[in-house]
């Protein structure tokens, strides 16, 4: 389990960086997405979708980069379950703002697009899942980088025979 101090530092860094990068408060990313979504005087669904996808990716990057900064600065000892604890923290910090982006995107796309609302939900879920998968790999790599070299070797593996 992450120490209280480490967990506090991670959450504080994420919170500050979400504000610095305009993801929190929600109004910041909404205005940025909307400003990128106009074609002339008209709000364009495709542009709004692209801007929303950028915001999802920005969110994943900010949460991961914040965690990476703390972990590489503090250099905590690794332990069995370290990666799982970091992943749980990532999910918690990613999902809150993601639900705000989701609400904004689905509501906005529903107002300006004639597409089926289910397709909006499926599109959003696919974009969020892709970002989540990419950052999950990054978190696992970060956790692995904190392990001692001997911990990366499978003890059941047989060394190759020397010729």
N, C-alpha and C. Protein backbone atom coordinates (compact mmCIF):
# COMPACT_ATOMS: atom_id res chain seq x y z
N UNK A 1 0.84 -1.18 0.00
CA UNK A 1 0.00 0.00 0.00
C UNK A 1 0.89 1.25 0.00
N UNK A 2 0.49 2.26 -0.77
CA UNK A 2 1.23 3.51 -0.82
C UNK A 2 1.20 4.17 0.55
N UNK A 3 2.33 4.74 0.96
CA UNK A 3 2.35 5.45 2.24
C UNK A 3 1.41 6.65 2.15
N UNK A 4 0.94 7.10 3.30
CA UNK A 4 0.04 8.27 3.32
C UNK A 4 0.73 9.49 2.72
N UNK A 5 2.02 9.66 3.05
CA UNK A 5 2.75 10.81 2.52
C UNK A 5 2.86 10.74 1.00
N UNK A 6 3.24 9.58 0.47
CA UNK A 6 3.37 9.43 -0.98
C UNK A 6 2.03 9.62 -1.67
N UNK A 7 0.99 9.04 -1.13
CA UNK A 7 -0.34 9.18 -1.72
C UNK A 7 -0.78 10.65 -1.70
N UNK A 8 -0.51 11.33 -0.61
CA UNK A 8 -0.85 12.75 -0.50
C UNK A 8 -0.09 13.59 -1.52
N UNK A 9 1.21 13.32 -1.66
CA UNK A 9 2.02 14.04 -2.64
C UNK A 9 1.52 13.81 -4.07
N UNK A 10 1.19 12.56 -4.37
CA UNK A 10 0.69 12.23 -5.71
C UNK A 10 -0.60 12.97 -6.01
N UNK A 11 -1.54 12.91 -5.08
CA UNK A 11 -2.85 13.56 -5.30
C UNK A 11 -2.71 15.08 -5.39
N UNK A 12 -1.85 15.64 -4.54
CA UNK A 12 -1.66 17.09 -4.56
C UNK A 12 -1.03 17.53 -5.88
N UNK A 13 -0.04 16.79 -6.38
CA UNK A 13 0.60 17.13 -7.65
C UNK A 13 -0.40 17.04 -8.80
N UNK A 14 -1.22 15.99 -8.79
CA UNK A 14 -2.23 15.84 -9.84
C UNK A 14 -3.21 17.02 -9.79
N UNK A 15 -3.69 17.34 -8.61
CA UNK A 15 -4.66 18.42 -8.46
C UNK A 15 -4.11 19.75 -8.98
N UNK A 16 -2.89 20.07 -8.60
CA UNK A 16 -2.26 21.32 -9.04
C UNK A 16 -2.10 21.32 -10.56
N UNK A 17 -1.60 20.22 -11.11
CA UNK A 17 -1.38 20.16 -12.56
C UNK A 17 -2.67 20.19 -13.36
N UNK A 18 -3.75 19.62 -12.83
CA UNK A 18 -5.04 19.71 -13.52
C UNK A 18 -5.49 21.16 -13.63
N UNK A 19 -5.21 21.94 -12.61
CA UNK A 19 -5.56 23.36 -12.66
C UNK A 19 -4.63 24.12 -13.61
N UNK A 20 -3.33 23.85 -13.51
CA UNK A 20 -2.36 24.53 -14.38
C UNK A 20 -2.67 24.29 -15.86
N UNK A 21 -3.06 23.06 -16.19
CA UNK A 21 -3.32 22.70 -17.59
C UNK A 21 -4.77 22.93 -18.01
N UNK A 22 -5.54 23.60 -17.18
CA UNK A 22 -6.89 24.01 -17.55
C UNK A 22 -7.90 22.88 -17.66
N UNK A 23 -7.71 21.81 -16.90
CA UNK A 23 -8.68 20.72 -16.90
C UNK A 23 -9.66 20.91 -15.75
N UNK A 24 -9.18 21.51 -14.68
CA UNK A 24 -10.03 21.88 -13.55
C UNK A 24 -9.90 23.38 -13.36
N UNK A 25 -10.96 24.11 -13.12
CA UNK A 25 -12.34 23.67 -13.08
C UNK A 25 -12.86 23.30 -14.47
N UNK A 26 -13.95 22.60 -14.48
CA UNK A 26 -14.50 22.06 -15.73
C UNK A 26 -14.73 23.15 -16.78
N UNK A 27 -15.08 24.32 -16.37
CA UNK A 27 -15.37 25.39 -17.31
C UNK A 27 -14.18 25.68 -18.22
N UNK A 28 -12.97 25.47 -17.72
CA UNK A 28 -11.76 25.74 -18.52
C UNK A 28 -11.68 24.84 -19.74
N UNK A 29 -11.83 23.53 -19.56
CA UNK A 29 -11.73 22.64 -20.72
C UNK A 29 -12.94 22.79 -21.62
N UNK A 30 -14.09 23.13 -21.06
CA UNK A 30 -15.28 23.33 -21.89
C UNK A 30 -15.06 24.50 -22.85
N UNK A 31 -14.56 25.60 -22.33
CA UNK A 31 -14.31 26.76 -23.18
C UNK A 31 -13.26 26.47 -24.24
N UNK A 32 -12.20 25.75 -23.85
CA UNK A 32 -11.15 25.42 -24.80
C UNK A 32 -11.69 24.52 -25.91
N UNK A 33 -12.49 23.52 -25.55
CA UNK A 33 -13.06 22.61 -26.55
C UNK A 33 -14.02 23.35 -27.47
N UNK A 34 -14.85 24.18 -26.89
CA UNK A 34 -15.81 24.92 -27.72
C UNK A 34 -15.10 25.88 -28.67
N UNK A 35 -14.04 26.52 -28.19
CA UNK A 35 -13.34 27.49 -29.05
C UNK A 35 -12.71 26.82 -30.27
N UNK A 36 -12.39 25.54 -30.16
CA UNK A 36 -11.79 24.80 -31.28
C UNK A 36 -12.85 24.18 -32.19
N UNK A 37 -14.12 24.36 -31.86
CA UNK A 37 -15.18 23.61 -32.52
C UNK A 37 -16.00 24.40 -33.53
N UNK A 38 -15.65 25.64 -33.72
CA UNK A 38 -16.43 26.45 -34.64
C UNK A 38 -15.85 26.40 -36.04
N UNK A 39 -16.74 26.33 -37.01
CA UNK A 39 -16.41 26.47 -38.42
C UNK A 39 -17.18 27.68 -38.89
N UNK A 40 -16.53 28.81 -38.97
CA UNK A 40 -17.25 30.06 -39.23
C UNK A 40 -18.03 30.42 -37.98
N UNK A 41 -19.33 30.61 -38.14
CA UNK A 41 -20.20 30.95 -37.01
C UNK A 41 -20.93 29.74 -36.45
N UNK A 42 -20.64 28.56 -36.97
CA UNK A 42 -21.39 27.36 -36.62
C UNK A 42 -20.53 26.38 -35.83
N UNK A 43 -21.13 25.85 -34.79
CA UNK A 43 -20.46 24.81 -33.99
C UNK A 43 -20.50 23.51 -34.80
N UNK A 44 -19.33 22.93 -35.06
CA UNK A 44 -19.21 21.74 -35.91
C UNK A 44 -19.04 20.49 -35.05
N UNK A 45 -19.92 19.49 -35.20
CA UNK A 45 -19.81 18.26 -34.40
C UNK A 45 -18.46 17.56 -34.54
N UNK A 46 -17.92 17.48 -35.74
CA UNK A 46 -16.64 16.79 -35.94
C UNK A 46 -15.50 17.52 -35.22
N UNK A 47 -15.54 18.83 -35.26
CA UNK A 47 -14.51 19.61 -34.56
C UNK A 47 -14.66 19.48 -33.04
N UNK A 48 -15.90 19.45 -32.58
CA UNK A 48 -16.12 19.27 -31.14
C UNK A 48 -15.64 17.89 -30.71
N UNK A 49 -15.89 16.88 -31.52
CA UNK A 49 -15.42 15.53 -31.20
C UNK A 49 -13.89 15.50 -31.15
N UNK A 50 -13.23 16.14 -32.11
CA UNK A 50 -11.76 16.17 -32.12
C UNK A 50 -11.23 16.92 -30.90
N UNK A 51 -11.86 18.04 -30.56
CA UNK A 51 -11.42 18.81 -29.39
C UNK A 51 -11.64 18.02 -28.11
N UNK A 52 -12.72 17.27 -28.04
CA UNK A 52 -12.99 16.44 -26.87
C UNK A 52 -11.95 15.33 -26.75
N UNK A 53 -11.61 14.72 -27.87
CA UNK A 53 -10.58 13.67 -27.87
C UNK A 53 -9.25 14.25 -27.36
N UNK A 54 -8.92 15.47 -27.76
CA UNK A 54 -7.70 16.13 -27.26
C UNK A 54 -7.77 16.33 -25.75
N UNK A 55 -8.94 16.69 -25.24
CA UNK A 55 -9.09 16.91 -23.80
C UNK A 55 -8.95 15.61 -23.01
N UNK A 56 -9.45 14.52 -23.56
CA UNK A 56 -9.30 13.22 -22.90
C UNK A 56 -7.82 12.84 -22.84
N UNK A 57 -7.12 13.03 -23.95
CA UNK A 57 -5.69 12.72 -24.00
C UNK A 57 -4.91 13.64 -23.06
N UNK A 58 -5.26 14.91 -23.05
CA UNK A 58 -4.60 15.87 -22.15
C UNK A 58 -4.78 15.42 -20.71
N UNK A 59 -5.97 15.03 -20.33
CA UNK A 59 -6.26 14.57 -18.98
C UNK A 59 -5.37 13.38 -18.61
N UNK A 60 -5.32 12.37 -19.47
CA UNK A 60 -4.50 11.19 -19.19
C UNK A 60 -3.03 11.55 -19.04
N UNK A 61 -2.55 12.42 -19.90
CA UNK A 61 -1.15 12.83 -19.85
C UNK A 61 -0.83 13.62 -18.58
N UNK A 62 -1.71 14.53 -18.21
CA UNK A 62 -1.47 15.35 -17.02
C UNK A 62 -1.45 14.48 -15.76
N UNK A 63 -2.40 13.56 -15.65
CA UNK A 63 -2.43 12.69 -14.47
C UNK A 63 -1.17 11.84 -14.43
N UNK A 64 -0.82 11.22 -15.54
CA UNK A 64 0.38 10.38 -15.55
C UNK A 64 1.65 11.19 -15.29
N UNK A 65 1.82 12.31 -15.99
CA UNK A 65 3.03 13.11 -15.82
C UNK A 65 3.17 13.61 -14.39
N UNK A 66 2.06 13.93 -13.76
CA UNK A 66 2.08 14.36 -12.36
C UNK A 66 2.58 13.24 -11.46
N UNK A 67 2.06 12.05 -11.68
CA UNK A 67 2.47 10.90 -10.90
C UNK A 67 3.95 10.59 -11.14
N UNK A 68 4.37 10.65 -12.39
CA UNK A 68 5.76 10.36 -12.73
C UNK A 68 6.70 11.34 -12.04
N UNK A 69 6.33 12.62 -12.01
CA UNK A 69 7.16 13.62 -11.36
C UNK A 69 7.38 13.28 -9.89
N UNK A 70 6.32 12.92 -9.19
CA UNK A 70 6.43 12.59 -7.77
C UNK A 70 7.26 11.32 -7.58
N UNK A 71 6.95 10.28 -8.35
CA UNK A 71 7.64 8.99 -8.17
C UNK A 71 9.13 9.12 -8.48
N UNK A 72 9.48 9.82 -9.54
CA UNK A 72 10.90 9.92 -9.89
C UNK A 72 11.64 10.87 -8.95
N UNK A 73 10.93 11.82 -8.34
CA UNK A 73 11.57 12.72 -7.39
C UNK A 73 11.77 12.06 -6.03
N UNK A 74 10.72 11.39 -5.56
CA UNK A 74 10.76 10.76 -4.24
C UNK A 74 11.54 9.45 -4.27
N UNK A 75 11.44 8.74 -5.39
CA UNK A 75 12.11 7.45 -5.57
C UNK A 75 11.76 6.47 -4.44
N UNK A 76 10.45 6.17 -4.29
CA UNK A 76 10.05 5.28 -3.19
C UNK A 76 10.48 3.85 -3.45
N UNK A 77 10.64 3.07 -2.39
CA UNK A 77 10.97 1.66 -2.60
C UNK A 77 9.77 0.94 -3.21
N UNK A 78 10.06 0.04 -4.10
CA UNK A 78 9.01 -0.76 -4.72
C UNK A 78 8.64 -1.91 -3.78
N UNK A 79 7.45 -2.42 -3.94
CA UNK A 79 6.98 -3.56 -3.15
C UNK A 79 5.98 -4.33 -3.98
N UNK A 80 5.68 -5.53 -3.54
CA UNK A 80 4.71 -6.35 -4.24
C UNK A 80 3.36 -5.63 -4.22
N UNK A 81 2.81 -5.31 -5.36
CA UNK A 81 1.54 -4.60 -5.45
C UNK A 81 1.70 -3.11 -5.70
N UNK A 82 2.94 -2.64 -5.84
CA UNK A 82 3.20 -1.22 -6.08
C UNK A 82 2.51 -0.74 -7.36
N UNK A 83 2.65 -1.51 -8.43
CA UNK A 83 2.03 -1.13 -9.71
C UNK A 83 0.52 -1.07 -9.57
N UNK A 84 -0.07 -2.03 -8.86
CA UNK A 84 -1.52 -2.03 -8.67
C UNK A 84 -1.98 -0.81 -7.89
N UNK A 85 -1.20 -0.42 -6.88
CA UNK A 85 -1.56 0.76 -6.09
C UNK A 85 -1.46 2.03 -6.93
N UNK A 86 -0.42 2.12 -7.77
CA UNK A 86 -0.30 3.29 -8.66
C UNK A 86 -1.43 3.31 -9.68
N UNK A 87 -1.78 2.15 -10.21
CA UNK A 87 -2.89 2.08 -11.17
C UNK A 87 -4.21 2.50 -10.54
N UNK A 88 -4.45 2.08 -9.31
CA UNK A 88 -5.68 2.46 -8.61
C UNK A 88 -5.73 3.97 -8.40
N UNK A 89 -4.60 4.54 -8.04
CA UNK A 89 -4.55 5.99 -7.85
C UNK A 89 -4.77 6.70 -9.19
N UNK A 90 -4.14 6.20 -10.25
CA UNK A 90 -4.34 6.79 -11.58
C UNK A 90 -5.82 6.77 -11.95
N UNK A 91 -6.45 5.62 -11.79
CA UNK A 91 -7.87 5.49 -12.13
C UNK A 91 -8.73 6.50 -11.37
N UNK A 92 -8.46 6.61 -10.08
CA UNK A 92 -9.23 7.54 -9.26
C UNK A 92 -9.08 8.98 -9.70
N UNK A 93 -7.85 9.37 -10.04
CA UNK A 93 -7.59 10.75 -10.46
C UNK A 93 -8.05 11.02 -11.89
N UNK A 94 -8.07 10.00 -12.72
CA UNK A 94 -8.47 10.12 -14.13
C UNK A 94 -9.99 10.14 -14.26
N UNK A 95 -10.67 9.29 -13.52
CA UNK A 95 -12.11 9.10 -13.72
C UNK A 95 -12.97 10.29 -13.32
N UNK A 96 -12.58 11.03 -12.28
CA UNK A 96 -13.38 12.19 -11.87
C UNK A 96 -13.50 13.23 -12.97
N UNK A 97 -12.37 13.78 -13.43
CA UNK A 97 -12.43 14.76 -14.52
C UNK A 97 -12.97 14.15 -15.82
N UNK A 98 -12.70 12.86 -16.05
CA UNK A 98 -13.22 12.22 -17.25
C UNK A 98 -14.75 12.25 -17.27
N UNK A 99 -15.37 12.04 -16.14
CA UNK A 99 -16.84 12.07 -16.09
C UNK A 99 -17.37 13.47 -16.40
N UNK A 100 -16.61 14.52 -16.02
CA UNK A 100 -17.01 15.89 -16.36
C UNK A 100 -16.88 16.12 -17.86
N UNK A 101 -15.79 15.64 -18.45
CA UNK A 101 -15.61 15.78 -19.90
C UNK A 101 -16.70 15.01 -20.63
N UNK A 102 -17.00 13.81 -20.14
CA UNK A 102 -18.05 12.98 -20.75
C UNK A 102 -19.40 13.70 -20.74
N UNK A 103 -19.76 14.23 -19.59
CA UNK A 103 -21.04 14.93 -19.45
C UNK A 103 -21.12 16.10 -20.42
N UNK A 104 -20.08 16.91 -20.46
CA UNK A 104 -20.03 18.05 -21.37
C UNK A 104 -20.12 17.60 -22.83
N UNK A 105 -19.32 16.62 -23.19
CA UNK A 105 -19.26 16.18 -24.59
C UNK A 105 -20.58 15.59 -25.05
N UNK A 106 -21.14 14.70 -24.26
CA UNK A 106 -22.39 14.06 -24.68
C UNK A 106 -23.54 15.05 -24.75
N UNK A 107 -23.58 15.96 -23.81
CA UNK A 107 -24.62 16.98 -23.82
C UNK A 107 -24.45 17.90 -25.03
N UNK A 108 -23.23 18.34 -25.29
CA UNK A 108 -22.98 19.25 -26.41
C UNK A 108 -23.20 18.57 -27.75
N UNK A 109 -22.67 17.35 -27.90
CA UNK A 109 -22.87 16.63 -29.16
C UNK A 109 -24.35 16.32 -29.38
N UNK A 110 -25.06 16.02 -28.32
CA UNK A 110 -26.49 15.76 -28.44
C UNK A 110 -27.27 16.96 -28.95
N UNK A 111 -26.82 18.16 -28.58
CA UNK A 111 -27.50 19.38 -29.01
C UNK A 111 -27.21 19.73 -30.46
N UNK A 112 -25.99 19.46 -30.93
CA UNK A 112 -25.61 19.95 -32.27
C UNK A 112 -25.54 18.87 -33.34
N UNK A 113 -25.70 17.62 -32.96
CA UNK A 113 -25.55 16.54 -33.93
C UNK A 113 -26.84 15.76 -34.04
N UNK A 114 -27.11 15.32 -35.25
CA UNK A 114 -28.31 14.51 -35.46
C UNK A 114 -28.04 13.03 -35.28
N UNK A 115 -26.82 12.68 -34.95
CA UNK A 115 -26.45 11.27 -34.76
C UNK A 115 -27.16 10.69 -33.55
N UNK A 116 -27.23 9.39 -33.53
CA UNK A 116 -27.81 8.66 -32.41
C UNK A 116 -26.98 8.89 -31.15
N UNK A 117 -27.61 9.25 -30.01
CA UNK A 117 -26.86 9.46 -28.77
C UNK A 117 -26.04 8.24 -28.33
N UNK A 118 -26.49 7.05 -28.70
CA UNK A 118 -25.74 5.84 -28.34
C UNK A 118 -24.39 5.86 -29.05
N UNK A 119 -24.36 6.34 -30.30
CA UNK A 119 -23.09 6.39 -31.02
C UNK A 119 -22.15 7.40 -30.37
N UNK A 120 -22.67 8.48 -29.81
CA UNK A 120 -21.83 9.44 -29.08
C UNK A 120 -21.21 8.77 -27.87
N UNK A 121 -22.01 8.03 -27.14
CA UNK A 121 -21.53 7.33 -25.93
C UNK A 121 -20.47 6.30 -26.31
N UNK A 122 -20.71 5.54 -27.36
CA UNK A 122 -19.74 4.54 -27.80
C UNK A 122 -18.44 5.19 -28.25
N UNK A 123 -18.55 6.30 -28.98
CA UNK A 123 -17.37 7.03 -29.44
C UNK A 123 -16.57 7.52 -28.24
N UNK A 124 -17.26 8.14 -27.28
CA UNK A 124 -16.56 8.66 -26.10
C UNK A 124 -15.89 7.53 -25.32
N UNK A 125 -16.59 6.43 -25.11
CA UNK A 125 -16.03 5.30 -24.37
C UNK A 125 -14.79 4.75 -25.06
N UNK A 126 -14.83 4.68 -26.39
CA UNK A 126 -13.66 4.18 -27.14
C UNK A 126 -12.46 5.11 -26.97
N UNK A 127 -12.68 6.42 -27.04
CA UNK A 127 -11.58 7.38 -26.88
C UNK A 127 -11.03 7.31 -25.45
N UNK A 128 -11.91 7.25 -24.47
CA UNK A 128 -11.47 7.18 -23.07
C UNK A 128 -10.71 5.88 -22.81
N UNK A 129 -11.21 4.78 -23.34
CA UNK A 129 -10.55 3.48 -23.14
C UNK A 129 -9.16 3.44 -23.77
N UNK A 130 -9.01 4.06 -24.93
CA UNK A 130 -7.71 4.10 -25.60
C UNK A 130 -6.70 4.90 -24.77
N UNK A 131 -7.12 6.05 -24.29
CA UNK A 131 -6.24 6.87 -23.44
C UNK A 131 -5.90 6.13 -22.16
N UNK A 132 -6.91 5.52 -21.55
CA UNK A 132 -6.70 4.77 -20.30
C UNK A 132 -5.70 3.63 -20.53
N UNK A 133 -5.83 2.91 -21.63
CA UNK A 133 -4.93 1.80 -21.92
C UNK A 133 -3.49 2.30 -22.11
N UNK A 134 -3.32 3.39 -22.83
CA UNK A 134 -1.98 3.93 -23.07
C UNK A 134 -1.33 4.38 -21.77
N UNK A 135 -2.08 5.08 -20.94
CA UNK A 135 -1.51 5.56 -19.68
C UNK A 135 -1.33 4.43 -18.66
N UNK A 136 -2.15 3.37 -18.75
CA UNK A 136 -1.98 2.21 -17.87
C UNK A 136 -0.64 1.55 -18.13
N UNK A 137 -0.28 1.43 -19.40
CA UNK A 137 1.03 0.87 -19.74
C UNK A 137 2.13 1.76 -19.17
N UNK A 138 1.95 3.08 -19.31
CA UNK A 138 2.95 4.01 -18.77
C UNK A 138 3.10 3.85 -17.26
N UNK A 139 1.99 3.71 -16.54
CA UNK A 139 2.04 3.55 -15.08
C UNK A 139 2.76 2.25 -14.73
N UNK A 140 2.46 1.17 -15.45
CA UNK A 140 3.13 -0.10 -15.19
C UNK A 140 4.64 0.00 -15.45
N UNK A 141 5.02 0.70 -16.51
CA UNK A 141 6.44 0.90 -16.80
C UNK A 141 7.10 1.75 -15.72
N UNK A 142 6.41 2.75 -15.24
CA UNK A 142 6.93 3.58 -14.17
C UNK A 142 7.17 2.75 -12.92
N UNK A 143 6.20 1.92 -12.57
CA UNK A 143 6.34 1.05 -11.39
C UNK A 143 7.50 0.07 -11.59
N UNK A 144 7.61 -0.50 -12.78
CA UNK A 144 8.69 -1.45 -13.05
C UNK A 144 10.06 -0.76 -12.98
N UNK A 145 10.11 0.50 -13.37
CA UNK A 145 11.39 1.22 -13.33
C UNK A 145 11.87 1.45 -11.91
N UNK A 146 10.98 1.32 -10.94
CA UNK A 146 11.34 1.51 -9.54
C UNK A 146 11.81 0.21 -8.89
N UNK A 147 11.67 -0.89 -9.61
CA UNK A 147 12.06 -2.19 -9.05
C UNK A 147 13.57 -2.38 -9.14
N UNK A 148 14.09 -3.19 -8.25
CA UNK A 148 15.50 -3.57 -8.31
C UNK A 148 15.66 -4.52 -9.50
N UNK A 149 16.81 -4.50 -10.15
CA UNK A 149 16.99 -5.38 -11.32
C UNK A 149 16.71 -6.85 -11.02
N UNK A 150 17.08 -7.33 -9.84
CA UNK A 150 16.84 -8.73 -9.51
C UNK A 150 15.36 -9.06 -9.40
N UNK A 151 14.55 -8.05 -9.06
CA UNK A 151 13.11 -8.26 -8.95
C UNK A 151 12.44 -8.44 -10.30
N UNK A 152 13.11 -8.05 -11.36
CA UNK A 152 12.55 -8.15 -12.71
C UNK A 152 12.79 -9.52 -13.33
N UNK A 153 13.57 -10.35 -12.67
CA UNK A 153 13.88 -11.68 -13.19
C UNK A 153 12.90 -12.69 -12.61
N UNK A 154 12.33 -13.49 -13.46
CA UNK A 154 11.41 -14.54 -13.02
C UNK A 154 12.23 -15.65 -12.37
N UNK A 155 11.99 -15.93 -11.07
CA UNK A 155 12.80 -16.94 -10.39
C UNK A 155 12.57 -18.35 -10.92
N UNK A 156 11.47 -18.58 -11.64
CA UNK A 156 11.21 -19.91 -12.18
C UNK A 156 11.83 -20.11 -13.56
N UNK A 157 12.33 -19.02 -14.13
CA UNK A 157 12.92 -19.12 -15.47
C UNK A 157 14.27 -19.82 -15.37
N UNK A 158 14.53 -20.64 -16.34
CA UNK A 158 15.79 -21.37 -16.38
C UNK A 158 16.80 -20.59 -17.22
N UNK A 159 17.98 -20.33 -16.68
CA UNK A 159 18.97 -19.61 -17.48
C UNK A 159 19.29 -20.40 -18.76
N UNK A 160 19.56 -19.67 -19.81
CA UNK A 160 19.91 -20.37 -21.07
C UNK A 160 21.24 -21.09 -20.88
N UNK A 161 21.34 -22.18 -21.57
CA UNK A 161 22.56 -22.99 -21.45
C UNK A 161 23.69 -22.32 -22.20
N UNK A 162 24.85 -22.32 -21.58
CA UNK A 162 26.03 -21.72 -22.19
C UNK A 162 26.69 -22.77 -23.08
N UNK A 163 27.08 -22.39 -24.25
CA UNK A 163 27.69 -23.34 -25.17
C UNK A 163 29.18 -23.26 -25.11
